[in-house]
mmCIF file of all heavy atoms, coordinates in Angstrom:
data_MODEL
# 
_entry.id   MODEL 
# 
loop_
_atom_site.group_PDB 
_atom_site.id 
_atom_site.type_symbol 
_atom_site.label_atom_id 
_atom_site.label_alt_id 
_atom_site.label_comp_id 
_atom_site.label_asym_id 
_atom_site.label_entity_id 
_atom_site.label_seq_id 
_atom_site.pdbx_PDB_ins_code 
_atom_site.Cartn_x 
_atom_site.Cartn_y 
_atom_site.Cartn_z 
_atom_site.occupancy 
_atom_site.B_iso_or_equiv 
_atom_site.pdbx_formal_charge 
_atom_site.auth_seq_id 
_atom_site.auth_comp_id 
_atom_site.auth_asym_id 
_atom_site.auth_atom_id 
_atom_site.pdbx_PDB_model_num 
ATOM 1   N N   . LEU A 1 1  ? 0.832  -1.210 0.000   1.00 0.00 ? 1  LEU A N   1 
ATOM 2   C CA  . LEU A 1 1  ? 0.000  0.000  0.000   1.00 0.00 ? 1  LEU A CA  1 
ATOM 3   C C   . LEU A 1 1  ? 0.860  1.252  0.000   1.00 0.00 ? 1  LEU A C   1 
ATOM 4   O O   . LEU A 1 1  ? 0.603  2.194  -0.767  1.00 0.00 ? 1  LEU A O   1 
ATOM 5   C CB  . LEU A 1 1  ? -0.932 -0.003 1.216   1.00 0.00 ? 1  LEU A CB  1 
ATOM 6   C CG  . LEU A 1 1  ? -1.844 1.232  1.359   1.00 0.00 ? 1  LEU A CG  1 
ATOM 7   C CD1 . LEU A 1 1  ? -2.771 1.352  0.154   1.00 0.00 ? 1  LEU A CD1 1 
ATOM 8   C CD2 . LEU A 1 1  ? -2.643 1.152  2.661   1.00 0.00 ? 1  LEU A CD2 1 
ATOM 9   N N   . SER A 1 2  ? 1.906  1.278  0.829   1.00 0.00 ? 2  SER A N   1 
ATOM 10  C CA  . SER A 1 2  ? 2.765  2.468  0.912   1.00 0.00 ? 2  SER A CA  1 
ATOM 11  C C   . SER A 1 2  ? 3.507  2.698  -0.402  1.00 0.00 ? 2  SER A C   1 
ATOM 12  O O   . SER A 1 2  ? 3.673  3.842  -0.846  1.00 0.00 ? 2  SER A O   1 
ATOM 13  C CB  . SER A 1 2  ? 3.767  2.322  2.060   1.00 0.00 ? 2  SER A CB  1 
ATOM 14  O OG  . SER A 1 2  ? 4.628  1.212  1.843   1.00 0.00 ? 2  SER A OG  1 
ATOM 15  N N   . LEU A 1 3  ? 3.934  1.606  -1.036  1.00 0.00 ? 3  LEU A N   1 
ATOM 16  C CA  . LEU A 1 3  ? 4.640  1.727  -2.314  1.00 0.00 ? 3  LEU A CA  1 
ATOM 17  C C   . LEU A 1 3  ? 3.685  2.219  -3.400  1.00 0.00 ? 3  LEU A C   1 
ATOM 18  O O   . LEU A 1 3  ? 4.050  3.079  -4.218  1.00 0.00 ? 3  LEU A O   1 
ATOM 19  C CB  . LEU A 1 3  ? 5.230  0.367  -2.698  1.00 0.00 ? 3  LEU A CB  1 
ATOM 20  C CG  . LEU A 1 3  ? 6.443  0.349  -3.645  1.00 0.00 ? 3  LEU A CG  1 
ATOM 21  C CD1 . LEU A 1 3  ? 7.564  1.217  -3.105  1.00 0.00 ? 3  LEU A CD1 1 
ATOM 22  C CD2 . LEU A 1 3  ? 6.925  -1.083 -3.847  1.00 0.00 ? 3  LEU A CD2 1 
ATOM 23  N N   . ALA A 1 4  ? 2.475  1.690  -3.403  1.00 0.00 ? 4  ALA A N   1 
ATOM 24  C CA  . ALA A 1 4  ? 1.475  2.116  -4.388  1.00 0.00 ? 4  ALA A CA  1 
ATOM 25  C C   . ALA A 1 4  ? 1.148  3.591  -4.225  1.00 0.00 ? 4  ALA A C   1 
ATOM 26  O O   . ALA A 1 4  ? 1.048  4.333  -5.210  1.00 0.00 ? 4  ALA A O   1 
ATOM 27  C CB  . ALA A 1 4  ? 0.206  1.272  -4.248  1.00 0.00 ? 4  ALA A CB  1 
ATOM 28  N N   . LEU A 1 5  ? 0.998  4.029  -2.964  1.00 0.00 ? 5  LEU A N   1 
ATOM 29  C CA  . LEU A 1 5  ? 0.710  5.445  -2.710  1.00 0.00 ? 5  LEU A CA  1 
ATOM 30  C C   . LEU A 1 5  ? 1.867  6.334  -3.153  1.00 0.00 ? 5  LEU A C   1 
ATOM 31  O O   . LEU A 1 5  ? 1.646  7.453  -3.641  1.00 0.00 ? 5  LEU A O   1 
ATOM 32  C CB  . LEU A 1 5  ? 0.408  5.660  -1.224  1.00 0.00 ? 5  LEU A CB  1 
ATOM 33  C CG  . LEU A 1 5  ? -0.919 5.085  -0.720  1.00 0.00 ? 5  LEU A CG  1 
ATOM 34  C CD1 . LEU A 1 5  ? -1.041 5.253  0.789   1.00 0.00 ? 5  LEU A CD1 1 
ATOM 35  C CD2 . LEU A 1 5  ? -2.096 5.759  -1.419  1.00 0.00 ? 5  LEU A CD2 1 
ATOM 36  N N   . THR A 1 6  ? 3.080  5.843  -2.991  1.00 0.00 ? 6  THR A N   1 
ATOM 37  C CA  . THR A 1 6  ? 4.255  6.599  -3.443  1.00 0.00 ? 6  THR A CA  1 
ATOM 38  C C   . THR A 1 6  ? 4.237  6.777  -4.955  1.00 0.00 ? 6  THR A C   1 
ATOM 39  O O   . THR A 1 6  ? 4.419  7.892  -5.468  1.00 0.00 ? 6  THR A O   1 
ATOM 40  C CB  . THR A 1 6  ? 5.555  5.886  -3.030  1.00 0.00 ? 6  THR A CB  1 
ATOM 41  O OG1 . THR A 1 6  ? 5.616  5.803  -1.608  1.00 0.00 ? 6  THR A OG1 1 
ATOM 42  C CG2 . THR A 1 6  ? 6.782  6.637  -3.539  1.00 0.00 ? 6  THR A CG2 1 
ATOM 43  N N   . TYR A 1 7  ? 4.010  5.676  -5.682  1.00 0.00 ? 7  TYR A N   1 
ATOM 44  C CA  . TYR A 1 7  ? 3.966  5.744  -7.147  1.00 0.00 ? 7  TYR A CA  1 
ATOM 45  C C   . TYR A 1 7  ? 2.843  6.660  -7.631  1.00 0.00 ? 7  TYR A C   1 
ATOM 46  O O   . TYR A 1 7  ? 3.043  7.496  -8.522  1.00 0.00 ? 7  TYR A O   1 
ATOM 47  C CB  . TYR A 1 7  ? 3.782  4.348  -7.751  1.00 0.00 ? 7  TYR A CB  1 
ATOM 48  C CG  . TYR A 1 7  ? 4.922  3.395  -7.503  1.00 0.00 ? 7  TYR A CG  1 
ATOM 49  C CD1 . TYR A 1 7  ? 4.732  2.014  -7.585  1.00 0.00 ? 7  TYR A CD1 1 
ATOM 50  C CD2 . TYR A 1 7  ? 6.197  3.855  -7.184  1.00 0.00 ? 7  TYR A CD2 1 
ATOM 51  C CE1 . TYR A 1 7  ? 5.774  1.120  -7.366  1.00 0.00 ? 7  TYR A CE1 1 
ATOM 52  C CE2 . TYR A 1 7  ? 7.242  2.975  -6.955  1.00 0.00 ? 7  TYR A CE2 1 
ATOM 53  C CZ  . TYR A 1 7  ? 7.025  1.607  -7.046  1.00 0.00 ? 7  TYR A CZ  1 
ATOM 54  O OH  . TYR A 1 7  ? 8.056  0.730  -6.828  1.00 0.00 ? 7  TYR A OH  1 
ATOM 55  N N   . VAL A 1 8  ? 1.656  6.490  -7.034  1.00 0.00 ? 8  VAL A N   1 
ATOM 56  C CA  . VAL A 1 8  ? 0.508  7.311  -7.438  1.00 0.00 ? 8  VAL A CA  1 
ATOM 57  C C   . VAL A 1 8  ? 0.776  8.784  -7.122  1.00 0.00 ? 8  VAL A C   1 
ATOM 58  O O   . VAL A 1 8  ? 0.490  9.674  -7.945  1.00 0.00 ? 8  VAL A O   1 
ATOM 59  C CB  . VAL A 1 8  ? -0.779 6.827  -6.746  1.00 0.00 ? 8  VAL A CB  1 
ATOM 60  C CG1 . VAL A 1 8  ? -1.921 7.818  -6.993  1.00 0.00 ? 8  VAL A CG1 1 
ATOM 61  C CG2 . VAL A 1 8  ? -1.165 5.442  -7.239  1.00 0.00 ? 8  VAL A CG2 1 
ATOM 62  N N   . GLY A 1 9  ? 1.327  9.035  -5.924  1.00 0.00 ? 9  GLY A N   1 
ATOM 63  C CA  . GLY A 1 9  ? 1.631  10.410 -5.537  1.00 0.00 ? 9  GLY A CA  1 
ATOM 64  C C   . GLY A 1 9  ? 2.602  11.076 -6.494  1.00 0.00 ? 9  GLY A C   1 
ATOM 65  O O   . GLY A 1 9  ? 2.420  12.236 -6.896  1.00 0.00 ? 9  GLY A O   1 
ATOM 66  N N   . ILE A 1 10 ? 3.633  10.342 -6.911  1.00 0.00 ? 10 ILE A N   1 
ATOM 67  C CA  . ILE A 1 10 ? 4.628  10.868 -7.852  1.00 0.00 ? 10 ILE A CA  1 
ATOM 68  C C   . ILE A 1 10 ? 3.982  11.150 -9.207  1.00 0.00 ? 10 ILE A C   1 
ATOM 69  O O   . ILE A 1 10 ? 4.220  12.205 -9.814  1.00 0.00 ? 10 ILE A O   1 
ATOM 70  C CB  . ILE A 1 10 ? 5.798  9.878  -7.991  1.00 0.00 ? 10 ILE A CB  1 
ATOM 71  C CG1 . ILE A 1 10 ? 6.640  9.892  -6.713  1.00 0.00 ? 10 ILE A CG1 1 
ATOM 72  C CG2 . ILE A 1 10 ? 6.656  10.206 -9.207  1.00 0.00 ? 10 ILE A CG2 1 
ATOM 73  C CD1 . ILE A 1 10 ? 7.699  8.807  -6.658  1.00 0.00 ? 10 ILE A CD1 1 
ATOM 74  N N   . ILE A 1 11 ? 3.170  10.205 -9.680  1.00 0.00 ? 11 ILE A N   1 
ATOM 75  C CA  . ILE A 1 11 ? 2.521  10.367 -11.001 1.00 0.00 ? 11 ILE A CA  1 
ATOM 76  C C   . ILE A 1 11 ? 1.552  11.541 -10.999 1.00 0.00 ? 11 ILE A C   1 
ATOM 77  O O   . ILE A 1 11 ? 1.471  12.298 -11.974 1.00 0.00 ? 11 ILE A O   1 
ATOM 78  C CB  . ILE A 1 11 ? 1.795  9.058  -11.396 1.00 0.00 ? 11 ILE A CB  1 
ATOM 79  C CG1 . ILE A 1 11 ? 2.825  7.952  -11.669 1.00 0.00 ? 11 ILE A CG1 1 
ATOM 80  C CG2 . ILE A 1 11 ? 0.915  9.278  -12.624 1.00 0.00 ? 11 ILE A CG2 1 
ATOM 81  C CD1 . ILE A 1 11 ? 2.214  6.562  -11.777 1.00 0.00 ? 11 ILE A CD1 1 
ATOM 82  N N   . VAL A 1 12 ? 0.825  11.717 -9.902  1.00 0.00 ? 12 VAL A N   1 
ATOM 83  C CA  . VAL A 1 12 ? -0.156 12.810 -9.812  1.00 0.00 ? 12 VAL A CA  1 
ATOM 84  C C   . VAL A 1 12 ? 0.531  14.160 -9.627  1.00 0.00 ? 12 VAL A C   1 
ATOM 85  O O   . VAL A 1 12 ? 0.130  15.165 -10.229 1.00 0.00 ? 12 VAL A O   1 
ATOM 86  C CB  . VAL A 1 12 ? -1.146 12.549 -8.655  1.00 0.00 ? 12 VAL A CB  1 
ATOM 87  C CG1 . VAL A 1 12 ? -2.013 13.783 -8.388  1.00 0.00 ? 12 VAL A CG1 1 
ATOM 88  C CG2 . VAL A 1 12 ? -2.026 11.352 -8.975  1.00 0.00 ? 12 VAL A CG2 1 
ATOM 89  N N   . LEU A 1 13 ? 1.570  14.202 -8.805  1.00 0.00 ? 13 LEU A N   1 
ATOM 90  C CA  . LEU A 1 13 ? 2.213  15.472 -8.476  1.00 0.00 ? 13 LEU A CA  1 
ATOM 91  C C   . LEU A 1 13 ? 3.179  15.984 -9.544  1.00 0.00 ? 13 LEU A C   1 
ATOM 92  O O   . LEU A 1 13 ? 3.377  17.199 -9.664  1.00 0.00 ? 13 LEU A O   1 
ATOM 93  C CB  . LEU A 1 13 ? 2.964  15.357 -7.142  1.00 0.00 ? 13 LEU A CB  1 
ATOM 94  C CG  . LEU A 1 13 ? 2.142  15.585 -5.868  1.00 0.00 ? 13 LEU A CG  1 
ATOM 95  C CD1 . LEU A 1 13 ? 3.015  15.401 -4.639  1.00 0.00 ? 13 LEU A CD1 1 
ATOM 96  C CD2 . LEU A 1 13 ? 1.530  16.977 -5.865  1.00 0.00 ? 13 LEU A CD2 1 
ATOM 97  N N   . LYS A 1 14 ? 3.783  15.075 -10.303 1.00 0.00 ? 14 LYS A N   1 
ATOM 98  C CA  . LYS A 1 14 ? 4.783  15.518 -11.281 1.00 0.00 ? 14 LYS A CA  1 
ATOM 99  C C   . LYS A 1 14 ? 4.230  16.563 -12.255 1.00 0.00 ? 14 LYS A C   1 
ATOM 100 O O   . LYS A 1 14 ? 4.873  17.600 -12.477 1.00 0.00 ? 14 LYS A O   1 
ATOM 101 C CB  . LYS A 1 14 ? 5.334  14.309 -12.048 1.00 0.00 ? 14 LYS A CB  1 
ATOM 102 C CG  . LYS A 1 14 ? 6.416  14.671 -13.080 1.00 0.00 ? 14 LYS A CG  1 
ATOM 103 C CD  . LYS A 1 14 ? 7.677  15.229 -12.426 1.00 0.00 ? 14 LYS A CD  1 
ATOM 104 C CE  . LYS A 1 14 ? 8.793  15.421 -13.441 1.00 0.00 ? 14 LYS A CE  1 
ATOM 105 N NZ  . LYS A 1 14 ? 10.033 15.928 -12.827 1.00 0.00 ? 14 LYS A NZ  1 
ATOM 106 N N   . PRO A 1 15 ? 3.056  16.358 -12.882 1.00 0.00 ? 15 PRO A N   1 
ATOM 107 C CA  . PRO A 1 15 ? 2.525  17.404 -13.767 1.00 0.00 ? 15 PRO A CA  1 
ATOM 108 C C   . PRO A 1 15 ? 2.269  18.727 -13.048 1.00 0.00 ? 15 PRO A C   1 
ATOM 109 O O   . PRO A 1 15 ? 2.425  19.800 -13.643 1.00 0.00 ? 15 PRO A O   1 
ATOM 110 C CB  . PRO A 1 15 ? 1.213  16.790 -14.276 1.00 0.00 ? 15 PRO A CB  1 
ATOM 111 C CG  . PRO A 1 15 ? 1.402  15.317 -14.157 1.00 0.00 ? 15 PRO A CG  1 
ATOM 112 C CD  . PRO A 1 15 ? 2.207  15.147 -12.912 1.00 0.00 ? 15 PRO A CD  1 
ATOM 113 N N   . ILE A 1 16 ? 1.887  18.654 -11.778 1.00 0.00 ? 16 ILE A N   1 
ATOM 114 C CA  . ILE A 1 16 ? 1.603  19.873 -11.018 1.00 0.00 ? 16 ILE A CA  1 
ATOM 115 C C   . ILE A 1 16 ? 2.883  20.659 -10.757 1.00 0.00 ? 16 ILE A C   1 
ATOM 116 O O   . ILE A 1 16 ? 2.933  21.877 -10.990 1.00 0.00 ? 16 ILE A O   1 
ATOM 117 C CB  . ILE A 1 16 ? 0.882  19.529 -9.691  1.00 0.00 ? 16 ILE A CB  1 
ATOM 118 C CG1 . ILE A 1 16 ? -0.504 18.948 -9.982  1.00 0.00 ? 16 ILE A CG1 1 
ATOM 119 C CG2 . ILE A 1 16 ? 0.780  20.751 -8.778  1.00 0.00 ? 16 ILE A CG2 1 
ATOM 120 C CD1 . ILE A 1 16 ? -1.228 18.413 -8.761  1.00 0.00 ? 16 ILE A CD1 1 
ATOM 121 N N   . VAL A 1 17 ? 3.936  19.975 -10.285 1.00 0.00 ? 17 VAL A N   1 
ATOM 122 C CA  . VAL A 1 17 ? 5.175  20.698 -9.984  1.00 0.00 ? 17 VAL A CA  1 
ATOM 123 C C   . VAL A 1 17 ? 5.882  21.160 -11.262 1.00 0.00 ? 17 VAL A C   1 
ATOM 124 O O   . VAL A 1 17 ? 6.514  22.216 -11.282 1.00 0.00 ? 17 VAL A O   1 
ATOM 125 C CB  . VAL A 1 17 ? 6.131  19.852 -9.112  1.00 0.00 ? 17 VAL A CB  1 
ATOM 126 C CG1 . VAL A 1 17 ? 5.559  19.665 -7.725  1.00 0.00 ? 17 VAL A CG1 1 
ATOM 127 C CG2 . VAL A 1 17 ? 6.450  18.505 -9.736  1.00 0.00 ? 17 VAL A CG2 1 
ATOM 128 N N   . THR A 1 18 ? 5.751  20.384 -12.337 1.00 0.00 ? 18 THR A N   1 
ATOM 129 C CA  . THR A 1 18 ? 6.288  20.825 -13.627 1.00 0.00 ? 18 THR A CA  1 
ATOM 130 C C   . THR A 1 18 ? 5.588  22.097 -14.081 1.00 0.00 ? 18 THR A C   1 
ATOM 131 O O   . THR A 1 18 ? 6.234  23.070 -14.493 1.00 0.00 ? 18 THR A O   1 
ATOM 132 C CB  . THR A 1 18 ? 6.108  19.727 -14.691 1.00 0.00 ? 18 THR A CB  1 
ATOM 133 O OG1 . THR A 1 18 ? 6.891  18.591 -14.341 1.00 0.00 ? 18 THR A OG1 1 
ATOM 134 C CG2 . THR A 1 18 ? 6.543  20.223 -16.065 1.00 0.00 ? 18 THR A CG2 1 
ATOM 135 N N   . SER A 1 19 ? 4.272  22.104 -13.994 1.00 0.00 ? 19 SER A N   1 
ATOM 136 C CA  . SER A 1 19 ? 3.483  23.258 -14.411 1.00 0.00 ? 19 SER A CA  1 
ATOM 137 C C   . SER A 1 19 ? 3.779  24.478 -13.551 1.00 0.00 ? 19 SER A C   1 
ATOM 138 O O   . SER A 1 19 ? 3.897  25.600 -14.062 1.00 0.00 ? 19 SER A O   1 
ATOM 139 C CB  . SER A 1 19 ? 1.990  22.930 -14.337 1.00 0.00 ? 19 SER A CB  1 
ATOM 140 O OG  . SER A 1 19 ? 1.688  21.796 -15.114 1.00 0.00 ? 19 SER A OG  1 
ATOM 141 N N   . ALA A 1 20 ? 3.915  24.260 -12.240 1.00 0.00 ? 20 ALA A N   1 
ATOM 142 C CA  . ALA A 1 20 ? 4.227  25.367 -11.331 1.00 0.00 ? 20 ALA A CA  1 
ATOM 143 C C   . ALA A 1 20 ? 5.610  25.934 -11.635 1.00 0.00 ? 20 ALA A C   1 
ATOM 144 O O   . ALA A 1 20 ? 5.817  27.155 -11.584 1.00 0.00 ? 20 ALA A O   1 
ATOM 145 C CB  . ALA A 1 20 ? 4.151  24.888 -9.882  1.00 0.00 ? 20 ALA A CB  1 
ATOM 146 N N   . THR A 1 21 ? 6.549  25.061 -11.955 1.00 0.00 ? 21 THR A N   1 
ATOM 147 C CA  . THR A 1 21 ? 7.905  25.510 -12.306 1.00 0.00 ? 21 THR A CA  1 
ATOM 148 C C   . THR A 1 21 ? 7.876  26.406 -13.536 1.00 0.00 ? 21 THR A C   1 
ATOM 149 O O   . THR A 1 21 ? 8.472  27.488 -13.555 1.00 0.00 ? 21 THR A O   1 
ATOM 150 C CB  . THR A 1 21 ? 8.815  24.293 -12.584 1.00 0.00 ? 21 THR A CB  1 
ATOM 151 O OG1 . THR A 1 21 ? 8.904  23.487 -11.408 1.00 0.00 ? 21 THR A OG1 1 
ATOM 152 C CG2 . THR A 1 21 ? 10.215 24.740 -12.987 1.00 0.00 ? 21 THR A CG2 1 
ATOM 153 N N   . LEU A 1 22 ? 7.188  25.964 -14.568 1.00 0.00 ? 22 LEU A N   1 
ATOM 154 C CA  . LEU A 1 22 ? 7.137  26.720 -15.818 1.00 0.00 ? 22 LEU A CA  1 
ATOM 155 C C   . LEU A 1 22 ? 6.341  28.019 -15.660 1.00 0.00 ? 22 LEU A C   1 
ATOM 156 O O   . LEU A 1 22 ? 6.750  29.069 -16.161 1.00 0.00 ? 22 LEU A O   1 
ATOM 157 C CB  . LEU A 1 22 ? 6.517  25.859 -16.928 1.00 0.00 ? 22 LEU A CB  1 
ATOM 158 C CG  . LEU A 1 22 ? 7.285  24.585 -17.291 1.00 0.00 ? 22 LEU A CG  1 
ATOM 159 C CD1 . LEU A 1 22 ? 6.506  23.766 -18.310 1.00 0.00 ? 22 LEU A CD1 1 
ATOM 160 C CD2 . LEU A 1 22 ? 8.670  24.917 -17.837 1.00 0.00 ? 22 LEU A CD2 1 
ATOM 161 N N   . ALA A 1 23 ? 5.208  27.950 -14.956 1.00 0.00 ? 23 ALA A N   1 
ATOM 162 C CA  . ALA A 1 23 ? 4.351  29.124 -14.804 1.00 0.00 ? 23 ALA A CA  1 
ATOM 163 C C   . ALA A 1 23 ? 4.988  30.210 -13.947 1.00 0.00 ? 23 ALA A C   1 
ATOM 164 O O   . ALA A 1 23 ? 4.685  31.393 -14.121 1.00 0.00 ? 23 ALA A O   1 
ATOM 165 C CB  . ALA A 1 23 ? 3.006  28.711 -14.210 1.00 0.00 ? 23 ALA A CB  1 
ATOM 166 N N   . SER A 1 24 ? 5.865  29.815 -13.038 1.00 0.00 ? 24 SER A N   1 
ATOM 167 C CA  . SER A 1 24 ? 6.502  30.801 -12.156 1.00 0.00 ? 24 SER A CA  1 
ATOM 168 C C   . SER A 1 24 ? 7.823  31.322 -12.704 1.00 0.00 ? 24 SER A C   1 
ATOM 169 O O   . SER A 1 24 ? 8.552  32.025 -12.004 1.00 0.00 ? 24 SER A O   1 
ATOM 170 C CB  . SER A 1 24 ? 6.710  30.199 -10.760 1.00 0.00 ? 24 SER A CB  1 
ATOM 171 O OG  . SER A 1 24 ? 7.435  28.986 -10.829 1.00 0.00 ? 24 SER A OG  1 
# 
């Protein structure tokens, strides 16, 4: 469960932090 949450968290957050990096 912890590993699955890690993978899902990374997949979900990567587009957000990429977008925040570019937009800022």
